[in-house]
Amino acid sequence: MNEQVVTFLTNLSEFLIFFVVASALALFFVFVYTRVTRHNELALIKENSTAAAVAFSGSLIGFALPLAIIKFYSVNVIELVLWGVIALIVQVLVYLLIRLPMPRISERIQKDEVAAGIWLGTCSLVAGILNAASMTT
């Protein structure tokens, strides 16, 4: 078999393993995060809530960024999973910390107050960027 084909197949199998594990982590994140928050993001998004969509999108991207970055630095899938758990914890902490200065953020998102959604989504995204950068050291 051609050396390039063998290399491709090896890389493809590694890609599939990391992609499946990262996708499973993302689904796990959605499961956990939607149970931690006081508002039902998915139901609100189905009802066309811009605030919920912005807030949840920021948290999901804030979770996925560290996963994407750590793929370059991890030596195996177990390390990816461990850092994925850290990324999940960071996003949950962001939500809990944002509630300190804005204790009714969930209620405001339920009322589709876009400013609250932007604030939570942006804080989640910033935390994800800082988290990803911190994982590269």
N, C-alpha and C. Protein backbone atom coordinates (compact mmCIF):
# COMPACT_ATOMS: atom_id res chain seq x y z
N MET A 1 0.85 -1.18 0.00
CA MET A 1 0.00 0.00 0.00
C MET A 1 0.90 1.24 0.00
N ASN A 2 0.46 2.25 -0.66
CA ASN A 2 1.20 3.50 -0.75
C ASN A 2 1.38 4.12 0.64
N GLU A 3 2.58 4.64 0.90
CA GLU A 3 2.89 5.23 2.21
C GLU A 3 1.95 6.38 2.56
N GLN A 4 1.57 7.18 1.56
CA GLN A 4 0.65 8.29 1.80
C GLN A 4 -0.73 7.79 2.23
N VAL A 5 -1.17 6.69 1.65
CA VAL A 5 -2.47 6.13 2.01
C VAL A 5 -2.43 5.60 3.45
N VAL A 6 -1.35 4.93 3.81
CA VAL A 6 -1.21 4.42 5.17
C VAL A 6 -1.20 5.58 6.17
N THR A 7 -0.46 6.62 5.86
CA THR A 7 -0.43 7.80 6.73
C THR A 7 -1.82 8.43 6.85
N PHE A 8 -2.50 8.54 5.72
CA PHE A 8 -3.85 9.10 5.74
C PHE A 8 -4.79 8.26 6.60
N LEU A 9 -4.76 6.96 6.44
CA LEU A 9 -5.65 6.09 7.21
C LEU A 9 -5.34 6.15 8.70
N THR A 10 -4.07 6.25 9.04
CA THR A 10 -3.68 6.41 10.45
C THR A 10 -4.21 7.73 10.99
N ASN A 11 -4.02 8.79 10.23
CA ASN A 11 -4.52 10.11 10.65
C ASN A 11 -6.04 10.13 10.71
N LEU A 12 -6.68 9.44 9.77
CA LEU A 12 -8.14 9.41 9.76
C LEU A 12 -8.68 8.70 11.01
N SER A 13 -8.06 7.62 11.40
CA SER A 13 -8.53 6.92 12.60
C SER A 13 -8.34 7.79 13.84
N GLU A 14 -7.21 8.51 13.91
CA GLU A 14 -6.99 9.41 15.05
C GLU A 14 -8.02 10.55 15.03
N PHE A 15 -8.27 11.08 13.85
CA PHE A 15 -9.29 12.13 13.71
C PHE A 15 -10.64 11.64 14.22
N LEU A 16 -11.04 10.47 13.78
CA LEU A 16 -12.35 9.94 14.17
C LEU A 16 -12.45 9.74 15.67
N ILE A 17 -11.41 9.22 16.28
CA ILE A 17 -11.41 9.01 17.73
C ILE A 17 -11.55 10.34 18.46
N PHE A 18 -10.71 11.31 18.11
CA PHE A 18 -10.76 12.61 18.78
C PHE A 18 -12.08 13.33 18.50
N PHE A 19 -12.57 13.24 17.26
CA PHE A 19 -13.82 13.92 16.91
C PHE A 19 -15.00 13.33 17.67
N VAL A 20 -15.07 12.02 17.74
CA VAL A 20 -16.17 11.37 18.46
C VAL A 20 -16.11 11.71 19.95
N VAL A 21 -14.93 11.65 20.53
CA VAL A 21 -14.79 11.96 21.95
C VAL A 21 -15.13 13.43 22.21
N ALA A 22 -14.63 14.34 21.38
CA ALA A 22 -14.94 15.76 21.56
C ALA A 22 -16.43 16.03 21.38
N SER A 23 -17.06 15.35 20.43
CA SER A 23 -18.51 15.50 20.24
C SER A 23 -19.28 14.98 21.44
N ALA A 24 -18.84 13.85 21.98
CA ALA A 24 -19.48 13.30 23.19
C ALA A 24 -19.31 14.26 24.37
N LEU A 25 -18.12 14.86 24.47
CA LEU A 25 -17.90 15.85 25.54
C LEU A 25 -18.83 17.05 25.36
N ALA A 26 -19.02 17.50 24.12
CA ALA A 26 -19.92 18.63 23.86
C ALA A 26 -21.35 18.28 24.25
N LEU A 27 -21.79 17.09 23.92
CA LEU A 27 -23.13 16.66 24.32
C LEU A 27 -23.25 16.56 25.84
N PHE A 28 -22.21 16.06 26.48
CA PHE A 28 -22.19 15.99 27.94
C PHE A 28 -22.25 17.39 28.52
N PHE A 29 -21.51 18.32 27.93
CA PHE A 29 -21.55 19.71 28.37
C PHE A 29 -22.97 20.26 28.30
N VAL A 30 -23.63 20.05 27.16
CA VAL A 30 -25.01 20.54 26.99
C VAL A 30 -25.91 19.94 28.08
N PHE A 31 -25.77 18.66 28.33
CA PHE A 31 -26.57 17.99 29.35
C PHE A 31 -26.35 18.62 30.72
N VAL A 32 -25.09 18.76 31.11
CA VAL A 32 -24.78 19.29 32.45
C VAL A 32 -25.15 20.77 32.55
N TYR A 33 -24.72 21.56 31.59
CA TYR A 33 -24.92 23.01 31.66
C TYR A 33 -26.40 23.38 31.71
N THR A 34 -27.21 22.67 30.91
CA THR A 34 -28.64 22.99 30.89
C THR A 34 -29.35 22.58 32.18
N ARG A 35 -28.71 21.75 32.98
CA ARG A 35 -29.29 21.38 34.26
C ARG A 35 -28.80 22.30 35.39
N VAL A 36 -27.66 22.91 35.19
CA VAL A 36 -27.12 23.82 36.21
C VAL A 36 -27.82 25.17 36.16
N THR A 37 -28.08 25.66 34.97
CA THR A 37 -28.70 26.97 34.85
C THR A 37 -30.15 26.91 35.31
N ARG A 38 -30.65 28.04 35.73
CA ARG A 38 -32.03 28.11 36.24
C ARG A 38 -33.04 28.28 35.12
N HIS A 39 -32.58 28.47 33.91
CA HIS A 39 -33.49 28.62 32.78
C HIS A 39 -33.26 27.46 31.81
N ASN A 40 -34.28 27.13 31.05
CA ASN A 40 -34.20 26.02 30.10
C ASN A 40 -33.80 26.58 28.74
N GLU A 41 -32.49 26.57 28.47
CA GLU A 41 -31.98 27.16 27.24
C GLU A 41 -32.62 26.59 25.99
N LEU A 42 -32.69 25.28 25.91
CA LEU A 42 -33.18 24.64 24.69
C LEU A 42 -34.65 24.96 24.43
N ALA A 43 -35.46 24.96 25.48
CA ALA A 43 -36.88 25.32 25.31
C ALA A 43 -37.01 26.78 24.90
N LEU A 44 -36.23 27.64 25.52
CA LEU A 44 -36.28 29.07 25.17
C LEU A 44 -35.82 29.31 23.73
N ILE A 45 -34.78 28.60 23.32
CA ILE A 45 -34.30 28.75 21.94
C ILE A 45 -35.36 28.27 20.97
N LYS A 46 -36.05 27.17 21.29
CA LYS A 46 -37.14 26.68 20.43
C LYS A 46 -38.26 27.71 20.32
N GLU A 47 -38.40 28.54 21.36
CA GLU A 47 -39.41 29.60 21.36
C GLU A 47 -38.88 30.89 20.73
N ASN A 48 -37.69 30.81 20.12
CA ASN A 48 -37.08 31.93 19.40
C ASN A 48 -36.56 33.03 20.33
N SER A 49 -36.03 32.65 21.49
CA SER A 49 -35.47 33.61 22.43
C SER A 49 -34.04 33.97 22.01
N THR A 50 -33.86 35.19 21.61
CA THR A 50 -32.53 35.67 21.23
C THR A 50 -31.59 35.67 22.42
N ALA A 51 -32.07 36.11 23.57
CA ALA A 51 -31.23 36.16 24.77
C ALA A 51 -30.70 34.78 25.12
N ALA A 52 -31.56 33.78 25.10
CA ALA A 52 -31.13 32.42 25.43
C ALA A 52 -30.15 31.89 24.38
N ALA A 53 -30.42 32.17 23.12
CA ALA A 53 -29.54 31.69 22.05
C ALA A 53 -28.15 32.30 22.15
N VAL A 54 -28.08 33.58 22.43
CA VAL A 54 -26.78 34.26 22.56
C VAL A 54 -26.03 33.73 23.79
N ALA A 55 -26.72 33.64 24.90
CA ALA A 55 -26.07 33.17 26.14
C ALA A 55 -25.57 31.74 25.99
N PHE A 56 -26.42 30.86 25.46
CA PHE A 56 -26.04 29.46 25.33
C PHE A 56 -24.96 29.27 24.27
N SER A 57 -25.05 30.00 23.18
CA SER A 57 -24.02 29.92 22.14
C SER A 57 -22.66 30.32 22.69
N GLY A 58 -22.63 31.39 23.47
CA GLY A 58 -21.36 31.81 24.08
C GLY A 58 -20.78 30.76 24.99
N SER A 59 -21.64 30.11 25.77
CA SER A 59 -21.13 29.08 26.68
C SER A 59 -20.66 27.84 25.91
N LEU A 60 -21.37 27.47 24.86
CA LEU A 60 -20.98 26.30 24.08
C LEU A 60 -19.68 26.56 23.32
N ILE A 61 -19.54 27.74 22.74
CA ILE A 61 -18.28 28.09 22.07
C ILE A 61 -17.16 28.20 23.11
N GLY A 62 -17.48 28.79 24.26
CA GLY A 62 -16.49 28.90 25.34
C GLY A 62 -16.03 27.54 25.84
N PHE A 63 -16.86 26.54 25.70
CA PHE A 63 -16.47 25.18 26.06
C PHE A 63 -15.67 24.53 24.92
N ALA A 64 -16.09 24.74 23.70
CA ALA A 64 -15.46 24.07 22.55
C ALA A 64 -14.07 24.61 22.24
N LEU A 65 -13.83 25.88 22.47
CA LEU A 65 -12.51 26.46 22.18
C LEU A 65 -11.38 25.74 22.90
N PRO A 66 -11.49 25.52 24.19
CA PRO A 66 -10.42 24.78 24.87
C PRO A 66 -10.23 23.36 24.31
N LEU A 67 -11.33 22.71 23.93
CA LEU A 67 -11.20 21.37 23.34
C LEU A 67 -10.41 21.42 22.04
N ALA A 68 -10.70 22.42 21.23
CA ALA A 68 -9.99 22.55 19.95
C ALA A 68 -8.51 22.82 20.17
N ILE A 69 -8.20 23.67 21.12
CA ILE A 69 -6.81 24.01 21.38
C ILE A 69 -6.06 22.83 21.99
N ILE A 70 -6.70 22.17 22.94
CA ILE A 70 -5.99 21.10 23.65
C ILE A 70 -5.70 19.92 22.74
N LYS A 71 -6.45 19.78 21.67
CA LYS A 71 -6.18 18.69 20.73
C LYS A 71 -4.74 18.79 20.22
N PHE A 72 -4.24 19.98 20.03
CA PHE A 72 -2.88 20.16 19.54
C PHE A 72 -1.83 19.79 20.59
N TYR A 73 -2.20 19.85 21.86
CA TYR A 73 -1.24 19.65 22.93
C TYR A 73 -1.41 18.33 23.68
N SER A 74 -2.53 17.66 23.47
CA SER A 74 -2.75 16.41 24.21
C SER A 74 -2.03 15.25 23.55
N VAL A 75 -1.64 14.31 24.35
CA VAL A 75 -0.93 13.15 23.83
C VAL A 75 -1.88 11.97 23.62
N ASN A 76 -3.07 12.03 24.23
CA ASN A 76 -4.03 10.96 24.03
C ASN A 76 -5.44 11.47 24.34
N VAL A 77 -6.41 10.63 24.10
CA VAL A 77 -7.81 11.00 24.27
C VAL A 77 -8.15 11.20 25.75
N ILE A 78 -7.50 10.47 26.63
CA ILE A 78 -7.77 10.62 28.06
C ILE A 78 -7.43 12.04 28.52
N GLU A 79 -6.32 12.55 28.02
CA GLU A 79 -5.95 13.93 28.36
C GLU A 79 -6.99 14.92 27.83
N LEU A 80 -7.50 14.67 26.63
CA LEU A 80 -8.56 15.51 26.07
C LEU A 80 -9.79 15.49 26.98
N VAL A 81 -10.17 14.33 27.46
CA VAL A 81 -11.32 14.20 28.33
C VAL A 81 -11.09 14.96 29.65
N LEU A 82 -9.92 14.80 30.22
CA LEU A 82 -9.62 15.49 31.48
C LEU A 82 -9.69 17.00 31.33
N TRP A 83 -9.08 17.53 30.26
CA TRP A 83 -9.15 18.97 30.02
C TRP A 83 -10.57 19.39 29.66
N GLY A 84 -11.32 18.50 29.01
CA GLY A 84 -12.72 18.80 28.71
C GLY A 84 -13.54 18.97 29.98
N VAL A 85 -13.26 18.16 30.98
CA VAL A 85 -13.95 18.29 32.26
C VAL A 85 -13.59 19.64 32.90
N ILE A 86 -12.33 20.03 32.80
CA ILE A 86 -11.92 21.35 33.32
C ILE A 86 -12.68 22.46 32.58
N ALA A 87 -12.78 22.35 31.27
CA ALA A 87 -13.49 23.36 30.48
C ALA A 87 -14.96 23.43 30.89
N LEU A 88 -15.56 22.30 31.17
CA LEU A 88 -16.95 22.27 31.62
C LEU A 88 -17.08 22.97 32.97
N ILE A 89 -16.18 22.66 33.88
CA ILE A 89 -16.21 23.28 35.21
C ILE A 89 -16.06 24.79 35.09
N VAL A 90 -15.18 25.25 34.22
CA VAL A 90 -14.98 26.69 34.03
C VAL A 90 -16.28 27.34 33.56
N GLN A 91 -16.97 26.73 32.61
CA GLN A 91 -18.20 27.33 32.10
C GLN A 91 -19.31 27.35 33.16
N VAL A 92 -19.40 26.31 33.96
CA VAL A 92 -20.39 26.29 35.04
C VAL A 92 -20.05 27.38 36.07
N LEU A 93 -18.75 27.51 36.39
CA LEU A 93 -18.34 28.55 37.33
C LEU A 93 -18.65 29.95 36.80
N VAL A 94 -18.48 30.16 35.49
CA VAL A 94 -18.80 31.47 34.91
C VAL A 94 -20.27 31.79 35.15
N TYR A 95 -21.14 30.83 34.85
CA TYR A 95 -22.57 31.06 35.09
C TYR A 95 -22.83 31.40 36.55
N LEU A 96 -22.25 30.62 37.46
CA LEU A 96 -22.48 30.85 38.88
C LEU A 96 -21.91 32.20 39.33
N LEU A 97 -20.74 32.57 38.81
CA LEU A 97 -20.13 33.85 39.19
C LEU A 97 -20.89 35.04 38.60
N ILE A 98 -21.41 34.90 37.41
CA ILE A 98 -22.18 35.98 36.79
C ILE A 98 -23.45 36.27 37.60
N ARG A 99 -23.93 35.25 38.29
CA ARG A 99 -25.13 35.44 39.10
C ARG A 99 -24.86 36.30 40.34
N LEU A 100 -23.60 36.47 40.72
CA LEU A 100 -23.30 37.31 41.90
C LEU A 100 -23.68 38.77 41.64
N PRO A 101 -23.16 39.41 40.59
CA PRO A 101 -23.57 40.80 40.35
C PRO A 101 -24.95 40.91 39.70
N MET A 102 -25.42 39.82 39.09
CA MET A 102 -26.71 39.84 38.41
C MET A 102 -27.51 38.59 38.80
N PRO A 103 -28.04 38.57 40.03
CA PRO A 103 -28.66 37.35 40.55
C PRO A 103 -29.88 36.86 39.76
N ARG A 104 -30.50 37.72 39.03
CA ARG A 104 -31.70 37.35 38.26
C ARG A 104 -31.41 37.18 36.77
N ILE A 105 -30.20 36.80 36.45
CA ILE A 105 -29.86 36.68 35.03
C ILE A 105 -30.72 35.64 34.32
N SER A 106 -31.01 34.54 34.98
CA SER A 106 -31.86 33.52 34.35
C SER A 106 -33.27 34.05 34.09
N GLU A 107 -33.81 34.77 35.04
CA GLU A 107 -35.14 35.35 34.85
C GLU A 107 -35.12 36.36 33.70
N ARG A 108 -34.05 37.13 33.61
CA ARG A 108 -33.94 38.12 32.53
C ARG A 108 -33.82 37.42 31.17
N ILE A 109 -33.09 36.31 31.13
CA ILE A 109 -32.98 35.56 29.88
C ILE A 109 -34.33 34.95 29.53
N GLN A 110 -35.05 34.46 30.52
CA GLN A 110 -36.38 33.91 30.26
C GLN A 110 -37.33 34.96 29.70
N LYS A 111 -37.12 36.23 30.08
CA LYS A 111 -37.93 37.33 29.56
C LYS A 111 -37.39 37.83 28.22
N ASP A 112 -36.39 37.16 27.70
CA ASP A 112 -35.74 37.50 26.43
C ASP A 112 -35.12 38.90 26.45
N GLU A 113 -34.52 39.24 27.59
CA GLU A 113 -33.77 40.49 27.68
C GLU A 113 -32.40 40.23 27.06
N VAL A 114 -32.21 40.76 25.87
CA VAL A 114 -31.03 40.45 25.07
C VAL A 114 -29.74 40.89 25.78
N ALA A 115 -29.77 42.00 26.48
CA ALA A 115 -28.57 42.46 27.18
C ALA A 115 -28.05 41.41 28.16
N ALA A 116 -28.94 40.73 28.86
CA ALA A 116 -28.53 39.69 29.80
C ALA A 116 -27.91 38.52 29.05
N GLY A 117 -28.50 38.15 27.92
CA GLY A 117 -27.95 37.07 27.11
C GLY A 117 -26.58 37.40 26.55
N ILE A 118 -26.43 38.63 26.09
CA ILE A 118 -25.13 39.07 25.56
C ILE A 118 -24.08 39.05 26.67
N TRP A 119 -24.44 39.55 27.84
CA TRP A 119 -23.50 39.60 28.96
C TRP A 119 -23.03 38.20 29.34
N LEU A 120 -23.97 37.26 29.52
CA LEU A 120 -23.60 35.90 29.90
C LEU A 120 -22.82 35.22 28.78
N GLY A 121 -23.28 35.38 27.55
CA GLY A 121 -22.59 34.76 26.42
C GLY A 121 -21.18 35.28 26.24
N THR A 122 -21.01 36.58 26.40
CA THR A 122 -19.68 37.19 26.25
C THR A 122 -18.75 36.75 27.38
N CYS A 123 -19.25 36.74 28.60
CA CYS A 123 -18.41 36.28 29.72
C CYS A 123 -18.02 34.82 29.54
N SER A 124 -18.92 34.00 29.05
CA SER A 124 -18.62 32.59 28.80
C SER A 124 -17.58 32.44 27.71
N LEU A 125 -17.70 33.24 26.67
CA LEU A 125 -16.74 33.20 25.57
C LEU A 125 -15.36 33.67 26.02
N VAL A 126 -15.31 34.75 26.76
CA VAL A 126 -14.03 35.25 27.28
C VAL A 126 -13.38 34.20 28.19
N ALA A 127 -14.17 33.58 29.05
CA ALA A 127 -13.62 32.54 29.92
C ALA A 127 -13.08 31.38 29.09
N GLY A 128 -13.78 31.02 28.03
CA GLY A 128 -13.31 29.95 27.16
C GLY A 128 -12.01 30.29 26.47
N ILE A 129 -11.87 31.53 26.02
CA ILE A 129 -10.63 31.97 25.37
C ILE A 129 -9.48 31.93 26.37
N LEU A 130 -9.70 32.48 27.57
CA LEU A 130 -8.66 32.46 28.59
C LEU A 130 -8.33 31.04 29.04
N ASN A 131 -9.34 30.21 29.14
CA ASN A 131 -9.16 28.82 29.49
C ASN A 131 -8.30 28.12 28.44
N ALA A 132 -8.63 28.31 27.19
CA ALA A 132 -7.87 27.69 26.09
C ALA A 132 -6.41 28.16 26.10
N ALA A 133 -6.21 29.46 26.30
CA ALA A 133 -4.86 29.99 26.34
C ALA A 133 -4.07 29.43 27.52
N SER A 134 -4.75 29.24 28.63
CA SER A 134 -4.07 28.71 29.83
C SER A 134 -3.69 27.26 29.69
N MET A 135 -4.41 26.53 28.87
CA MET A 135 -4.14 25.11 28.68
C MET A 135 -2.91 24.85 27.80
N THR A 136 -2.44 25.87 27.15
CA THR A 136 -1.30 25.68 26.22
C THR A 136 0.05 25.83 26.90
N THR A 137 0.07 26.14 28.18
CA THR A 137 1.36 26.32 28.84
C THR A 137 1.90 25.03 29.40
